[in-house]
Protein backbone atom coordinates (compact mmCIF):
# COMPACT_ATOMS: atom_id res chain seq x y z
CA MET A 1 26.02 -11.94 -18.18
CA ASN A 2 24.27 -10.70 -15.04
CA ARG A 3 25.35 -7.29 -13.88
CA GLN A 4 26.40 -6.94 -10.17
CA PHE A 5 24.81 -3.88 -8.72
CA SER A 6 26.93 -1.70 -6.52
CA ARG A 7 25.94 -0.02 -3.31
CA ASN A 8 25.52 3.21 -5.23
CA ASP A 9 23.25 1.52 -7.75
CA HIS A 10 21.02 0.32 -4.90
CA LEU A 11 20.92 3.75 -3.33
CA ILE A 12 19.93 5.27 -6.72
CA GLN A 13 17.14 2.65 -7.08
CA GLN A 14 15.92 3.46 -3.47
CA PHE A 15 15.94 7.13 -4.21
CA ASP A 16 13.94 6.56 -7.51
CA THR A 17 11.38 4.42 -5.62
CA ILE A 18 10.94 7.16 -2.99
CA LEU A 19 10.29 9.72 -5.72
CA ARG A 20 7.85 7.48 -7.54
CA THR A 21 6.05 6.83 -4.33
CA LEU A 22 5.81 10.32 -2.83
CA VAL A 23 5.57 12.63 -5.94
CA PRO A 24 2.00 12.74 -7.20
CA HIS A 25 1.27 11.43 -10.67
CA VAL A 26 4.81 9.96 -11.08
CA ALA A 27 4.16 6.24 -10.29
CA GLN A 28 3.37 4.24 -13.43
CA PRO A 29 1.20 1.12 -13.09
CA SER A 30 2.15 -2.11 -14.84
CA ARG A 31 -1.59 -3.06 -15.15
CA PRO A 32 -4.51 -1.00 -16.48
CA SER A 33 -6.83 0.51 -13.71
CA PRO A 34 -9.73 -1.77 -12.84
CA SER A 35 -11.93 1.39 -13.19
CA ALA A 36 -11.29 1.60 -16.97
CA GLY A 37 -14.64 1.51 -18.80
CA VAL A 38 -16.66 1.80 -15.47
CA GLN A 39 -19.15 4.67 -15.45
CA ASP A 40 -19.86 6.58 -12.17
CA GLY A 41 -23.31 7.33 -10.93
CA GLU A 42 -24.37 10.67 -9.53
CA LEU A 43 -22.21 12.16 -6.71
CA ASP A 44 -23.21 15.24 -4.87
CA GLU A 45 -20.58 17.45 -3.26
CA VAL A 46 -20.81 15.78 0.20
CA GLU A 47 -20.45 12.32 -1.38
CA ARG A 48 -17.51 13.49 -3.58
CA THR A 49 -15.66 15.00 -0.51
CA HIS A 50 -16.24 11.73 1.36
CA ALA A 51 -14.94 9.64 -1.51
CA VAL A 52 -11.83 11.87 -1.72
CA GLY A 53 -11.18 11.36 1.94
CA LEU A 54 -11.55 7.59 1.68
CA MET A 55 -9.31 7.36 -1.50
CA ARG A 56 -6.72 9.65 0.19
CA ILE A 57 -6.57 7.18 3.04
CA ASN A 58 -6.16 4.22 0.60
CA HIS A 59 -3.49 6.13 -1.23
CA THR A 60 -1.56 6.72 1.97
CA GLY A 61 -1.97 3.06 2.79
CA GLU A 62 -0.21 2.13 -0.39
CA VAL A 63 2.60 4.65 0.34
CA CYS A 64 3.03 2.76 3.66
CA ALA A 65 2.82 -0.67 1.93
CA GLN A 66 5.41 0.40 -0.66
CA ALA A 67 7.75 1.71 2.09
CA LEU A 68 7.32 -1.52 4.13
CA TYR A 69 8.13 -3.78 1.23
CA GLN A 70 11.14 -1.67 0.27
CA GLY A 71 12.44 -1.80 3.83
CA GLN A 72 11.94 -5.48 4.22
CA GLY A 73 13.45 -6.21 0.72
CA LEU A 74 16.55 -4.28 1.78
CA THR A 75 17.27 -6.47 4.78
CA ALA A 76 15.58 -9.80 3.87
CA LYS A 77 18.04 -12.66 4.27
CA LEU A 78 16.88 -15.11 1.53
CA PRO A 79 17.10 -14.19 -2.15
CA ASP A 80 13.75 -15.78 -3.02
CA ILE A 81 11.98 -13.86 -0.23
CA ARG A 82 13.64 -10.66 -1.47
CA SER A 83 12.32 -11.43 -4.98
CA GLN A 84 8.82 -11.95 -3.72
CA MET A 85 8.91 -8.67 -1.80
CA GLU A 86 9.97 -6.89 -5.01
CA GLN A 87 7.02 -8.48 -6.87
CA ALA A 88 4.60 -7.53 -4.11
CA ALA A 89 6.03 -3.99 -4.09
CA GLN A 90 5.27 -3.74 -7.84
CA GLU A 91 1.67 -4.65 -7.32
CA GLU A 92 1.55 -2.00 -4.57
CA ILE A 93 2.84 0.53 -7.11
CA ASP A 94 -0.12 -0.25 -9.24
CA HIS A 95 -2.50 0.28 -6.33
CA LEU A 96 -0.69 3.58 -5.54
CA ALA A 97 -1.04 4.87 -9.15
CA TRP A 98 -4.68 3.71 -9.34
CA CYS A 99 -5.59 5.60 -6.14
CA ASP A 100 -3.63 8.67 -7.27
CA ALA A 101 -5.43 8.71 -10.65
CA ARG A 102 -8.83 8.35 -8.93
CA LEU A 103 -8.04 11.25 -6.56
CA GLU A 104 -7.28 13.40 -9.50
CA GLU A 105 -10.60 12.41 -11.21
CA LEU A 106 -12.42 13.44 -8.04
CA ASP A 107 -10.57 16.74 -7.86
CA GLY A 108 -8.80 15.59 -4.64
CA ARG A 109 -5.17 15.50 -3.58
CA THR A 110 -2.85 13.10 -1.90
CA SER A 111 -2.05 13.49 1.81
CA LEU A 112 0.50 16.10 3.06
CA LEU A 113 1.56 13.52 5.65
CA ASN A 114 2.84 10.91 3.18
CA PRO A 115 6.58 11.57 3.62
CA LEU A 116 6.13 11.05 7.44
CA PHE A 117 4.24 7.78 6.95
CA TYR A 118 6.72 6.58 4.33
CA GLY A 119 9.72 7.15 6.58
CA ALA A 120 8.11 5.43 9.56
CA SER A 121 6.91 2.42 7.50
CA PHE A 122 10.24 2.02 5.81
CA GLY A 123 11.93 1.86 9.16
CA LEU A 124 9.56 -0.68 10.45
CA GLY A 125 10.02 -2.86 7.39
CA ALA A 126 13.81 -2.67 7.62
CA VAL A 127 13.73 -3.65 11.25
CA ALA A 128 11.36 -6.61 10.61
CA GLY A 129 13.57 -7.78 7.77
CA ALA A 130 16.70 -7.62 9.88
CA VAL A 131 15.19 -9.67 12.64
CA GLY A 132 14.57 -12.49 10.27
CA ASP A 133 12.57 -13.67 7.29
CA ARG A 134 9.94 -15.47 9.36
CA VAL A 135 9.14 -12.35 11.35
CA SER A 136 9.27 -10.14 8.24
CA LEU A 137 6.83 -12.41 6.43
CA GLY A 138 4.65 -12.54 9.47
CA PHE A 139 4.58 -8.76 9.54
CA VAL A 140 3.58 -8.79 5.77
CA ALA A 141 0.76 -11.14 6.57
CA ALA A 142 -0.48 -9.23 9.63
CA THR A 143 -0.22 -5.88 7.64
CA GLU A 144 -2.16 -7.29 4.77
CA GLU A 145 -4.76 -8.68 7.00
CA GLN A 146 -5.30 -5.21 8.52
CA VAL A 147 -5.37 -3.69 5.00
CA GLY A 148 -8.09 -6.18 3.86
CA LYS A 149 -10.27 -5.29 6.78
CA HIS A 150 -9.69 -1.66 6.06
CA LEU A 151 -10.70 -2.03 2.44
CA ASP A 152 -13.80 -4.02 3.41
CA GLU A 153 -14.87 -1.09 5.56
CA HIS A 154 -14.25 1.42 2.74
CA LEU A 155 -16.22 -0.61 0.24
CA GLU A 156 -19.12 -0.39 2.60
CA ALA A 157 -18.62 3.34 3.19
CA LEU A 158 -18.18 4.47 -0.40
CA PRO A 159 -21.13 6.43 -1.93
CA PRO A 160 -23.22 4.09 -4.09
CA GLY A 161 -22.59 6.18 -7.17
CA ASP A 162 -18.76 5.97 -6.86
CA ARG A 163 -18.45 2.93 -9.00
CA ARG A 164 -14.96 3.72 -10.35
CA SER A 165 -13.41 3.94 -6.85
CA ARG A 166 -15.24 0.66 -5.88
CA ALA A 167 -13.69 -1.16 -8.90
CA VAL A 168 -10.23 -0.05 -7.81
CA LEU A 169 -10.75 -1.08 -4.20
CA GLU A 170 -12.14 -4.50 -5.17
CA LYS A 171 -9.05 -5.35 -7.16
CA MET A 172 -6.81 -4.03 -4.44
CA ARG A 173 -8.62 -6.28 -1.95
CA GLU A 174 -8.02 -9.31 -4.11
CA ASP A 175 -4.26 -8.50 -4.38
CA GLU A 176 -3.88 -7.90 -0.71
CA ALA A 177 -5.48 -11.24 0.09
CA HIS A 178 -2.99 -12.90 -2.23
CA HIS A 179 -0.12 -11.16 -0.55
CA GLU A 180 -1.28 -12.39 2.87
CA ARG A 181 -1.64 -16.07 1.73
CA TRP A 182 1.84 -15.88 0.06
CA ALA A 183 3.48 -14.47 3.20
CA LEU A 184 1.97 -17.24 5.44
CA GLU A 185 2.66 -20.02 2.90
CA ALA A 186 6.26 -18.85 2.69
CA GLY A 187 6.67 -19.40 6.43
CA GLY A 188 5.54 -16.18 7.99
CA ALA A 189 4.94 -16.21 11.72
CA GLN A 190 1.38 -15.79 13.06
CA PHE A 191 1.48 -12.62 15.14
CA PRO A 192 -0.35 -12.80 18.52
CA ALA A 193 -3.61 -10.86 19.11
CA PRO A 194 -1.97 -8.04 21.17
CA VAL A 195 0.51 -7.25 18.44
CA LYS A 196 -2.31 -7.12 15.77
CA ALA A 197 -4.37 -4.86 18.19
CA GLY A 198 -1.43 -2.46 18.29
CA MET A 199 -1.25 -2.45 14.53
CA ARG A 200 -4.99 -1.75 14.32
CA LEU A 201 -4.50 1.26 16.65
CA MET A 202 -1.76 2.62 14.52
CA SER A 203 -3.93 2.19 11.42
CA LYS A 204 -6.75 4.13 13.04
CA LEU A 205 -4.51 6.95 13.89
CA MET A 206 -3.27 7.10 10.32
CA THR A 207 -6.80 7.00 8.86
CA LYS A 208 -8.15 9.81 11.10
CA SER A 209 -5.31 12.12 10.28
CA VAL A 210 -5.16 11.46 6.51
CA TYR A 211 -8.98 11.70 5.88
CA LYS A 212 -8.64 15.53 5.75
CA LEU A 213 -4.88 16.21 5.58
């Protein structure tokens, strides 16, 4: 017999998700880290600091992605779309945990701005979901497209010796491409170039602020 969840049950689930997203070292991945068994090369202090900044950005990106999917899943109209959002959100939790673990290995920390970005992204996701599933899915596709480009840039920028971070980002890139394809195949709208340009601008603002903070 399937249990019917009450409004309070959903609120508790949302609060649990917020905690698992924002509190360092709490998120638990469902898949092992792609860096398992990968040996790093030599990293000097400048390279390590740069790698920390890049992985901090990627971690905050996953905080934003988690918030977007949670917001969209909350307001999505069709049950199958909501289910797909939840599956994608679980994969983003994997990414979140992998980046968090890598930051710890590099003696880095997560961004102090994560609560701010979580709140803003959750709101955007909820609005997109409320407008309609086609727009919501289009927002997913456009977001994942931006994340993919962002990851490509970071794969180029990582120090050569940072092989463990590279393994994590390569798997994240694969997953994000899958999310983008799914969103479009499920009927997501193709966003016009000006909208995507605005999203790129917001992404750049996030990366510049999070690299050090």
